[in-house]
Amino acid sequence: MPFEAVNALKYSGHYEGERLEEASKSLPEYGIDLVSFNKTGSVTEIANNLDITIYDAAYIALAQNHDTKAYTADGNLLDNLKGDYSELAEHIRTYS
């Protein structure tokens, strides 16, 4: 997750150089709980069942494991969710 966050900042066009470095160092201050891979859930099972990337499956496994929803702007991922998995994610525009 930290790599994804810093990458998003880098490509947002608002952060570069020293500002990007400062933002990356401030991530621990936001109280985001990081979950180790072995506590994420059935990532490989979900990836295999849905034929999606391990990366995408990790978010779905976390939602399943924590009895919640993942929010994403990835329409392709949402289109690939089938069966019980389809209830585990929604488009970010539905978040309130």
PDB file of N, CA and C in Angstrom:
ATOM      1  N   MET A   1       0.800  -1.192   0.000  1.00  0.00           N
ATOM      2  CA  MET A   1       0.000   0.000   0.000  1.00  0.00           C
ATOM      3  C   MET A   1       0.849   1.265   0.000  1.00  0.00           C
ATOM      4  N   PRO A   2       1.912   1.337   0.784  1.00  0.00           N
ATOM      5  CA  PRO A   2       2.683   2.584   0.754  1.00  0.00           C
ATOM      6  C   PRO A   2       3.231   2.895  -0.639  1.00  0.00           C
ATOM      7  N   PHE A   3       3.637   1.856  -1.363  1.00  0.00           N
ATOM      8  CA  PHE A   3       4.168   2.082  -2.707  1.00  0.00           C
ATOM      9  C   PHE A   3       3.091   2.614  -3.642  1.00  0.00           C
ATOM     10  N   GLU A   4       1.887   2.065  -3.513  1.00  0.00           N
ATOM     11  CA  GLU A   4       0.765   2.511  -4.336  1.00  0.00           C
ATOM     12  C   GLU A   4       0.424   3.968  -4.040  1.00  0.00           C
ATOM     13  N   ALA A   5       0.400   4.328  -2.768  1.00  0.00           N
ATOM     14  CA  ALA A   5       0.069   5.704  -2.379  1.00  0.00           C
ATOM     15  C   ALA A   5       1.095   6.694  -2.920  1.00  0.00           C
ATOM     16  N   VAL A   6       2.361   6.388  -2.747  1.00  0.00           N
ATOM     17  CA  VAL A   6       3.405   7.298  -3.214  1.00  0.00           C
ATOM     18  C   VAL A   6       3.421   7.359  -4.744  1.00  0.00           C
ATOM     19  N   ASN A   7       3.166   6.236  -5.393  1.00  0.00           N
ATOM     20  CA  ASN A   7       3.094   6.228  -6.853  1.00  0.00           C
ATOM     21  C   ASN A   7       1.946   7.112  -7.342  1.00  0.00           C
ATOM     22  N   ALA A   8       0.809   7.027  -6.671  1.00  0.00           N
ATOM     23  CA  ALA A   8      -0.335   7.871  -7.047  1.00  0.00           C
ATOM     24  C   ALA A   8       0.004   9.351  -6.879  1.00  0.00           C
ATOM     25  N   LEU A   9       0.694   9.685  -5.795  1.00  0.00           N
ATOM     26  CA  LEU A   9       1.112  11.074  -5.600  1.00  0.00           C
ATOM     27  C   LEU A   9       2.062  11.519  -6.704  1.00  0.00           C
ATOM     28  N   LYS A  10       3.008  10.663  -7.047  1.00  0.00           N
ATOM     29  CA  LYS A  10       3.987  10.994  -8.085  1.00  0.00           C
ATOM     30  C   LYS A  10       3.307  11.309  -9.411  1.00  0.00           C
ATOM     31  N   TYR A  11       2.337  10.487  -9.789  1.00  0.00           N
ATOM     32  CA  TYR A  11       1.696  10.665 -11.090  1.00  0.00           C
ATOM     33  C   TYR A  11       0.487  11.587 -11.051  1.00  0.00           C
ATOM     34  N   SER A  12       0.195  12.149  -9.891  1.00  0.00           N
ATOM     35  CA  SER A  12      -0.916  13.099  -9.794  1.00  0.00           C
ATOM     36  C   SER A  12      -0.557  14.437 -10.433  1.00  0.00           C
ATOM     37  N   GLY A  13       0.736  14.689 -10.582  1.00  0.00           N
ATOM     38  CA  GLY A  13       1.185  15.959 -11.140  1.00  0.00           C
ATOM     39  C   GLY A  13       1.316  17.047 -10.082  1.00  0.00           C
ATOM     40  N   HIS A  14       1.031  16.723  -8.828  1.00  0.00           N
ATOM     41  CA  HIS A  14       1.096  17.710  -7.752  1.00  0.00           C
ATOM     42  C   HIS A  14       2.302  17.526  -6.843  1.00  0.00           C
ATOM     43  N   TYR A  15       2.994  16.408  -6.982  1.00  0.00           N
ATOM     44  CA  TYR A  15       4.124  16.112  -6.107  1.00  0.00           C
ATOM     45  C   TYR A  15       5.331  15.710  -6.940  1.00  0.00           C
ATOM     46  N   GLU A  16       6.462  16.298  -6.609  1.00  0.00           N
ATOM     47  CA  GLU A  16       7.708  15.893  -7.229  1.00  0.00           C
ATOM     48  C   GLU A  16       8.847  16.309  -6.315  1.00  0.00           C
ATOM     49  N   GLY A  17       9.992  15.751  -6.542  1.00  0.00           N
ATOM     50  CA  GLY A  17      11.184  16.123  -5.797  1.00  0.00           C
ATOM     51  C   GLY A  17      11.015  16.045  -4.295  1.00  0.00           C
ATOM     52  N   GLU A  18      11.410  17.124  -3.635  1.00  0.00           N
ATOM     53  CA  GLU A  18      11.383  17.176  -2.174  1.00  0.00           C
ATOM     54  C   GLU A  18       9.973  17.049  -1.607  1.00  0.00           C
ATOM     55  N   ARG A  19       9.003  17.619  -2.296  1.00  0.00           N
ATOM     56  CA  ARG A  19       7.610  17.526  -1.820  1.00  0.00           C
ATOM     57  C   ARG A  19       7.127  16.072  -1.821  1.00  0.00           C
ATOM     58  N   LEU A  20       7.482  15.331  -2.852  1.00  0.00           N
ATOM     59  CA  LEU A  20       7.119  13.915  -2.914  1.00  0.00           C
ATOM     60  C   LEU A  20       7.828  13.143  -1.804  1.00  0.00           C
ATOM     61  N   GLU A  21       9.090  13.458  -1.568  1.00  0.00           N
ATOM     62  CA  GLU A  21       9.855  12.806  -0.508  1.00  0.00           C
ATOM     63  C   GLU A  21       9.201  13.065   0.859  1.00  0.00           C
ATOM     64  N   GLU A  22       8.824  14.299   1.123  1.00  0.00           N
ATOM     65  CA  GLU A  22       8.180  14.645   2.397  1.00  0.00           C
ATOM     66  C   GLU A  22       6.842  13.922   2.548  1.00  0.00           C
ATOM     67  N   ALA A  23       6.076  13.868   1.486  1.00  0.00           N
ATOM     68  CA  ALA A  23       4.774  13.186   1.536  1.00  0.00           C
ATOM     69  C   ALA A  23       4.962  11.708   1.826  1.00  0.00           C
ATOM     70  N   SER A  24       5.971  11.092   1.208  1.00  0.00           N
ATOM     71  CA  SER A  24       6.195   9.661   1.428  1.00  0.00           C
ATOM     72  C   SER A  24       6.602   9.386   2.871  1.00  0.00           C
ATOM     73  N   LYS A  25       7.356  10.268   3.465  1.00  0.00           N
ATOM     74  CA  LYS A  25       7.775  10.095   4.854  1.00  0.00           C
ATOM     75  C   LYS A  25       6.638  10.336   5.839  1.00  0.00           C
ATOM     76  N   SER A  26       5.598  11.032   5.408  1.00  0.00           N
ATOM     77  CA  SER A  26       4.486  11.337   6.313  1.00  0.00           C
ATOM     78  C   SER A  26       3.422  10.240   6.354  1.00  0.00           C
ATOM     79  N   LEU A  27       3.501   9.234   5.493  1.00  0.00           N
ATOM     80  CA  LEU A  27       2.472   8.192   5.431  1.00  0.00           C
ATOM     81  C   LEU A  27       2.170   7.536   6.787  1.00  0.00           C
ATOM     82  N   PRO A  28       3.164   7.223   7.608  1.00  0.00           N
ATOM     83  CA  PRO A  28       2.852   6.580   8.892  1.00  0.00           C
ATOM     84  C   PRO A  28       1.979   7.441   9.817  1.00  0.00           C
ATOM     85  N   GLU A  29       1.937   8.737   9.587  1.00  0.00           N
ATOM     86  CA  GLU A  29       1.154   9.643  10.430  1.00  0.00           C
ATOM     87  C   GLU A  29      -0.349   9.557  10.168  1.00  0.00           C
ATOM     88  N   TYR A  30      -0.761   8.862   9.119  1.00  0.00           N
ATOM     89  CA  TYR A  30      -2.171   8.812   8.747  1.00  0.00           C
ATOM     90  C   TYR A  30      -2.942   7.677   9.405  1.00  0.00           C
ATOM     91  N   GLY A  31      -2.286   6.866  10.202  1.00  0.00           N
ATOM     92  CA  GLY A  31      -2.966   5.808  10.943  1.00  0.00           C
ATOM     93  C   GLY A  31      -3.527   4.687  10.089  1.00  0.00           C
ATOM     94  N   ILE A  32      -2.920   4.434   8.960  1.00  0.00           N
ATOM     95  CA  ILE A  32      -3.374   3.353   8.085  1.00  0.00           C
ATOM     96  C   ILE A  32      -2.764   2.047   8.569  1.00  0.00           C
ATOM     97  N   ASP A  33      -3.602   1.076   8.848  1.00  0.00           N
ATOM     98  CA  ASP A  33      -3.125  -0.235   9.279  1.00  0.00           C
ATOM     99  C   ASP A  33      -2.685  -1.042   8.067  1.00  0.00           C
ATOM    100  N   LEU A  34      -1.451  -1.499   8.098  1.00  0.00           N
ATOM    101  CA  LEU A  34      -0.947  -2.350   7.026  1.00  0.00           C
ATOM    102  C   LEU A  34      -1.105  -3.803   7.449  1.00  0.00           C
ATOM    103  N   VAL A  35      -1.566  -4.626   6.528  1.00  0.00           N
ATOM    104  CA  VAL A  35      -1.820  -6.036   6.805  1.00  0.00           C
ATOM    105  C   VAL A  35      -0.778  -6.859   6.068  1.00  0.00           C
ATOM    106  N   SER A  36      -0.121  -7.761   6.781  1.00  0.00           N
ATOM    107  CA  SER A  36       0.887  -8.594   6.129  1.00  0.00           C
ATOM    108  C   SER A  36       0.196  -9.568   5.167  1.00  0.00           C
ATOM    109  N   PHE A  37       0.945 -10.011   4.182  1.00  0.00           N
ATOM    110  CA  PHE A  37       0.379 -10.866   3.135  1.00  0.00           C
ATOM    111  C   PHE A  37      -0.295 -12.107   3.706  1.00  0.00           C
ATOM    112  N   ASN A  38       0.332 -12.730   4.699  1.00  0.00           N
ATOM    113  CA  ASN A  38      -0.235 -13.969   5.225  1.00  0.00           C
ATOM    114  C   ASN A  38      -1.490 -13.749   6.066  1.00  0.00           C
ATOM    115  N   LYS A  39      -1.851 -12.500   6.318  1.00  0.00           N
ATOM    116  CA  LYS A  39      -3.079 -12.202   7.066  1.00  0.00           C
ATOM    117  C   LYS A  39      -4.126 -11.521   6.183  1.00  0.00           C
ATOM    118  N   THR A  40      -3.863 -11.492   4.889  1.00  0.00           N
ATOM    119  CA  THR A  40      -4.760 -10.816   3.956  1.00  0.00           C
ATOM    120  C   THR A  40      -6.002 -11.637   3.648  1.00  0.00           C
ATOM    121  N   GLY A  41      -5.854 -12.935   3.582  1.00  0.00           N
ATOM    122  CA  GLY A  41      -6.965 -13.805   3.218  1.00  0.00           C
ATOM    123  C   GLY A  41      -6.573 -14.665   2.028  1.00  0.00           C
ATOM    124  N   SER A  42      -7.566 -15.155   1.333  1.00  0.00           N
ATOM    125  CA  SER A  42      -7.348 -16.122   0.243  1.00  0.00           C
ATOM    126  C   SER A  42      -7.038 -15.442  -1.086  1.00  0.00           C
ATOM    127  N   VAL A  43      -5.937 -14.718  -1.114  1.00  0.00           N
ATOM    128  CA  VAL A  43      -5.558 -13.947  -2.301  1.00  0.00           C
ATOM    129  C   VAL A  43      -5.397 -14.833  -3.528  1.00  0.00           C
ATOM    130  N   THR A  44      -4.628 -15.897  -3.409  1.00  0.00           N
ATOM    131  CA  THR A  44      -4.363 -16.730  -4.593  1.00  0.00           C
ATOM    132  C   THR A  44      -5.622 -17.449  -5.055  1.00  0.00           C
ATOM    133  N   GLU A  45      -6.456 -17.874  -4.123  1.00  0.00           N
ATOM    134  CA  GLU A  45      -7.720 -18.527  -4.500  1.00  0.00           C
ATOM    135  C   GLU A  45      -8.607 -17.565  -5.284  1.00  0.00           C
ATOM    136  N   ILE A  46      -8.719 -16.345  -4.803  1.00  0.00           N
ATOM    137  CA  ILE A  46      -9.544 -15.343  -5.480  1.00  0.00           C
ATOM    138  C   ILE A  46      -8.959 -15.012  -6.848  1.00  0.00           C
ATOM    139  N   ALA A  47      -7.645 -14.839  -6.919  1.00  0.00           N
ATOM    140  CA  ALA A  47      -6.993 -14.541  -8.209  1.00  0.00           C
ATOM    141  C   ALA A  47      -7.252 -15.649  -9.217  1.00  0.00           C
ATOM    142  N   ASN A  48      -7.152 -16.895  -8.761  1.00  0.00           N
ATOM    143  CA  ASN A  48      -7.400 -18.026  -9.657  1.00  0.00           C
ATOM    144  C   ASN A  48      -8.872 -18.139 -10.042  1.00  0.00           C
ATOM    145  N   ASN A  49      -9.763 -17.979  -9.076  1.00  0.00           N
ATOM    146  CA  ASN A  49     -11.203 -18.104  -9.353  1.00  0.00           C
ATOM    147  C   ASN A  49     -11.704 -17.044 -10.324  1.00  0.00           C
ATOM    148  N   LEU A  50     -11.164 -15.840 -10.225  1.00  0.00           N
ATOM    149  CA  LEU A  50     -11.659 -14.736 -11.050  1.00  0.00           C
ATOM    150  C   LEU A  50     -10.744 -14.394 -12.216  1.00  0.00           C
ATOM    151  N   ASP A  51      -9.589 -15.055 -12.284  1.00  0.00           N
ATOM    152  CA  ASP A  51      -8.588 -14.748 -13.301  1.00  0.00           C
ATOM    153  C   ASP A  51      -8.221 -13.266 -13.285  1.00  0.00           C
ATOM    154  N   ILE A  52      -7.892 -12.787 -12.076  1.00  0.00           N
ATOM    155  CA  ILE A  52      -7.453 -11.404 -11.901  1.00  0.00           C
ATOM    156  C   ILE A  52      -6.051 -11.422 -11.303  1.00  0.00           C
ATOM    157  N   THR A  53      -5.415 -10.270 -11.262  1.00  0.00           N
ATOM    158  CA  THR A  53      -4.065 -10.187 -10.732  1.00  0.00           C
ATOM    159  C   THR A  53      -4.054 -10.434  -9.221  1.00  0.00           C
ATOM    160  N   ILE A  54      -2.935 -10.867  -8.733  1.00  0.00           N
ATOM    161  CA  ILE A  54      -2.745 -11.031  -7.293  1.00  0.00           C
ATOM    162  C   ILE A  54      -2.958  -9.676  -6.612  1.00  0.00           C
ATOM    163  N   TYR A  55      -2.462  -8.644  -7.238  1.00  0.00           N
ATOM    164  CA  TYR A  55      -2.606  -7.287  -6.708  1.00  0.00           C
ATOM    165  C   TYR A  55      -4.084  -6.948  -6.498  1.00  0.00           C
ATOM    166  N   ASP A  56      -4.908  -7.154  -7.516  1.00  0.00           N
ATOM    167  CA  ASP A  56      -6.347  -6.870  -7.393  1.00  0.00           C
ATOM    168  C   ASP A  56      -7.017  -7.816  -6.400  1.00  0.00           C
ATOM    169  N   ALA A  57      -6.612  -9.071  -6.430  1.00  0.00           N
ATOM    170  CA  ALA A  57      -7.206 -10.060  -5.533  1.00  0.00           C
ATOM    171  C   ALA A  57      -6.932  -9.728  -4.072  1.00  0.00           C
ATOM    172  N   ALA A  58      -5.804  -9.083  -3.793  1.00  0.00           N
ATOM    173  CA  ALA A  58      -5.480  -8.713  -2.411  1.00  0.00           C
ATOM    174  C   ALA A  58      -6.536  -7.780  -1.830  1.00  0.00           C
ATOM    175  N   TYR A  59      -7.004  -6.832  -2.614  1.00  0.00           N
ATOM    176  CA  TYR A  59      -8.037  -5.898  -2.126  1.00  0.00           C
ATOM    177  C   TYR A  59      -9.363  -6.625  -1.890  1.00  0.00           C
ATOM    178  N   ILE A  60      -9.689  -7.551  -2.761  1.00  0.00           N
ATOM    179  CA  ILE A  60     -10.938  -8.306  -2.606  1.00  0.00           C
ATOM    180  C   ILE A  60     -10.828  -9.235  -1.389  1.00  0.00           C
ATOM    181  N   ALA A  61      -9.674  -9.853  -1.213  1.00  0.00           N
ATOM    182  CA  ALA A  61      -9.465 -10.728  -0.052  1.00  0.00           C
ATOM    183  C   ALA A  61      -9.544  -9.938   1.250  1.00  0.00           C
ATOM    184  N   LEU A  62      -8.976  -8.750   1.265  1.00  0.00           N
ATOM    185  CA  LEU A  62      -9.059  -7.913   2.468  1.00  0.00           C
ATOM    186  C   LEU A  62     -10.512  -7.559   2.783  1.00  0.00           C
ATOM    187  N   ALA A  63     -11.267  -7.198   1.768  1.00  0.00           N
ATOM    188  CA  ALA A  63     -12.679  -6.878   1.982  1.00  0.00           C
ATOM    189  C   ALA A  63     -13.420  -8.093   2.525  1.00  0.00           C
ATOM    190  N   GLN A  64     -13.161  -9.246   1.945  1.00  0.00           N
ATOM    191  CA  GLN A  64     -13.808 -10.482   2.391  1.00  0.00           C
ATOM    192  C   GLN A  64     -13.402 -10.814   3.834  1.00  0.00           C
ATOM    193  N   ASN A  65     -12.134 -10.700   4.116  1.00  0.00           N
ATOM    194  CA  ASN A  65     -11.596 -11.053   5.423  1.00  0.00           C
ATOM    195  C   ASN A  65     -12.083 -10.115   6.535  1.00  0.00           C
ATOM    196  N   HIS A  66     -12.380  -8.876   6.172  1.00  0.00           N
ATOM    197  CA  HIS A  66     -12.818  -7.880   7.149  1.00  0.00           C
ATOM    198  C   HIS A  66     -14.305  -7.579   7.055  1.00  0.00           C
ATOM    199  N   ASP A  67     -15.026  -8.399   6.295  1.00  0.00           N
ATOM    200  CA  ASP A  67     -16.475  -8.255   6.147  1.00  0.00           C
ATOM    201  C   ASP A  67     -16.872  -6.818   5.801  1.00  0.00           C
ATOM    202  N   THR A  68     -16.252  -6.308   4.743  1.00  0.00           N
ATOM    203  CA  THR A  68     -16.504  -4.942   4.299  1.00  0.00           C
ATOM    204  C   THR A  68     -16.441  -4.895   2.775  1.00  0.00           C
ATOM    205  N   LYS A  69     -16.375  -3.718   2.209  1.00  0.00           N
ATOM    206  CA  LYS A  69     -16.274  -3.539   0.766  1.00  0.00           C
ATOM    207  C   LYS A  69     -14.968  -2.838   0.421  1.00  0.00           C
ATOM    208  N   ALA A  70     -14.446  -3.157  -0.735  1.00  0.00           N
ATOM    209  CA  ALA A  70     -13.325  -2.420  -1.307  1.00  0.00           C
ATOM    210  C   ALA A  70     -13.923  -1.402  -2.276  1.00  0.00           C
ATOM    211  N   TYR A  71     -13.364  -0.223  -2.312  1.00  0.00           N
ATOM    212  CA  TYR A  71     -13.810   0.806  -3.249  1.00  0.00           C
ATOM    213  C   TYR A  71     -12.704   1.051  -4.249  1.00  0.00           C
ATOM    214  N   THR A  72     -13.070   1.092  -5.524  1.00  0.00           N
ATOM    215  CA  THR A  72     -12.083   1.212  -6.586  1.00  0.00           C
ATOM    216  C   THR A  72     -12.657   2.018  -7.752  1.00  0.00           C
ATOM    217  N   ALA A  73     -11.752   2.580  -8.532  1.00  0.00           N
ATOM    218  CA  ALA A  73     -12.143   3.217  -9.786  1.00  0.00           C
ATOM    219  C   ALA A  73     -11.850   2.293 -10.964  1.00  0.00           C
ATOM    220  N   ASP A  74     -11.423   1.090 -10.675  1.00  0.00           N
ATOM    221  CA  ASP A  74     -11.037   0.113 -11.698  1.00  0.00           C
ATOM    222  C   ASP A  74     -12.270  -0.630 -12.221  1.00  0.00           C
ATOM    223  N   GLY A  75     -12.820  -0.120 -13.297  1.00  0.00           N
ATOM    224  CA  GLY A  75     -14.005  -0.725 -13.897  1.00  0.00           C
ATOM    225  C   GLY A  75     -13.770  -2.151 -14.365  1.00  0.00           C
ATOM    226  N   ASN A  76     -12.567  -2.433 -14.855  1.00  0.00           N
ATOM    227  CA  ASN A  76     -12.254  -3.798 -15.299  1.00  0.00           C
ATOM    228  C   ASN A  76     -12.316  -4.774 -14.136  1.00  0.00           C
ATOM    229  N   LEU A  77     -11.781  -4.375 -12.990  1.00  0.00           N
ATOM    230  CA  LEU A  77     -11.849  -5.244 -11.820  1.00  0.00           C
ATOM    231  C   LEU A  77     -13.308  -5.480 -11.437  1.00  0.00           C
ATOM    232  N   LEU A  78     -14.091  -4.435 -11.384  1.00  0.00           N
ATOM    233  CA  LEU A  78     -15.504  -4.585 -11.024  1.00  0.00           C
ATOM    234  C   LEU A  78     -16.234  -5.498 -12.002  1.00  0.00           C
ATOM    235  N   ASP A  79     -15.915  -5.390 -13.280  1.00  0.00           N
ATOM    236  CA  ASP A  79     -16.541  -6.252 -14.290  1.00  0.00           C
ATOM    237  C   ASP A  79     -16.155  -7.719 -14.119  1.00  0.00           C
ATOM    238  N   ASN A  80     -14.965  -7.963 -13.574  1.00  0.00           N
ATOM    239  CA  ASN A  80     -14.478  -9.328 -13.408  1.00  0.00           C
ATOM    240  C   ASN A  80     -14.982 -10.012 -12.139  1.00  0.00           C
ATOM    241  N   LEU A  81     -15.599  -9.271 -11.247  1.00  0.00           N
ATOM    242  CA  LEU A  81     -16.081  -9.869 -10.004  1.00  0.00           C
ATOM    243  C   LEU A  81     -17.369 -10.626 -10.267  1.00  0.00           C
ATOM    244  N   LYS A  82     -17.371 -11.889  -9.937  1.00  0.00           N
ATOM    245  CA  LYS A  82     -18.516 -12.765 -10.192  1.00  0.00           C
ATOM    246  C   LYS A  82     -18.985 -13.409  -8.895  1.00  0.00           C
ATOM    247  N   GLY A  83     -20.234 -13.827  -8.881  1.00  0.00           N
ATOM    248  CA  GLY A  83     -20.783 -14.559  -7.739  1.00  0.00           C
ATOM    249  C   GLY A  83     -20.691 -13.771  -6.445  1.00  0.00           C
ATOM    250  N   ASP A  84     -20.331 -14.463  -5.377  1.00  0.00           N
ATOM    251  CA  ASP A  84     -20.227 -13.827  -4.066  1.00  0.00           C
ATOM    252  C   ASP A  84     -19.214 -12.690  -4.045  1.00  0.00           C
ATOM    253  N   TYR A  85     -18.222 -12.768  -4.926  1.00  0.00           N
ATOM    254  CA  TYR A  85     -17.189 -11.732  -4.954  1.00  0.00           C
ATOM    255  C   TYR A  85     -17.746 -10.379  -5.402  1.00  0.00           C
ATOM    256  N   SER A  86     -18.811 -10.387  -6.181  1.00  0.00           N
ATOM    257  CA  SER A  86     -19.345  -9.123  -6.709  1.00  0.00           C
ATOM    258  C   SER A  86     -19.858  -8.204  -5.609  1.00  0.00           C
ATOM    259  N   GLU A  87     -20.156  -8.759  -4.448  1.00  0.00           N
ATOM    260  CA  GLU A  87     -20.644  -7.953  -3.325  1.00  0.00           C
ATOM    261  C   GLU A  87     -19.503  -7.318  -2.528  1.00  0.00           C
ATOM    262  N   LEU A  88     -18.271  -7.647  -2.870  1.00  0.00           N
ATOM    263  CA  LEU A  88     -17.129  -7.197  -2.070  1.00  0.00           C
ATOM    264  C   LEU A  88     -16.493  -5.911  -2.550  1.00  0.00           C
ATOM    265  N   ALA A  89     -16.954  -5.360  -3.665  1.00  0.00           N
ATOM    266  CA  ALA A  89     -16.365  -4.134  -4.172  1.00  0.00           C
ATOM    267  C   ALA A  89     -17.408  -3.276  -4.873  1.00  0.00           C
ATOM    268  N   GLU A  90     -17.180  -1.984  -4.809  1.00  0.00           N
ATOM    269  CA  GLU A  90     -18.041  -1.017  -5.505  1.00  0.00           C
ATOM    270  C   GLU A  90     -17.169   0.077  -6.096  1.00  0.00           C
ATOM    271  N   HIS A  91     -17.730   0.796  -7.039  1.00  0.00           N
ATOM    272  CA  HIS A  91     -17.013   1.920  -7.625  1.00  0.00           C
ATOM    273  C   HIS A  91     -16.868   3.013  -6.578  1.00  0.00           C
ATOM    274  N   ILE A  92     -15.748   3.680  -6.609  1.00  0.00           N
ATOM    275  CA  ILE A  92     -15.441   4.731  -5.625  1.00  0.00           C
ATOM    276  C   ILE A  92     -16.494   5.849  -5.616  1.00  0.00           C
ATOM    277  N   ARG A  93     -17.153   6.079  -6.730  1.00  0.00           N
ATOM    278  CA  ARG A  93     -18.149   7.161  -6.774  1.00  0.00           C
ATOM    279  C   ARG A  93     -19.369   6.851  -5.891  1.00  0.00           C
ATOM    280  N   THR A  94     -19.530   5.587  -5.478  1.00  0.00           N
ATOM    281  CA  THR A  94     -20.658   5.238  -4.604  1.00  0.00           C
ATOM    282  C   THR A  94     -20.313   5.402  -3.131  1.00  0.00           C
ATOM    283  N   TYR A  95     -19.046   5.697  -2.824  1.00  0.00           N
ATOM    284  CA  TYR A  95     -18.619   5.817  -1.423  1.00  0.00           C
ATOM    285  C   TYR A  95     -19.215   7.078  -0.805  1.00  0.00           C
ATOM    286  N   SER A  96     -19.756   6.921   0.371  1.00  0.00           N
ATOM    287  CA  SER A  96     -20.285   8.115   1.062  1.00  0.00           C
ATOM    288  C   SER A  96     -19.876   8.138   2.503  1.00  0.00           C
TER     289      SER A  96
END
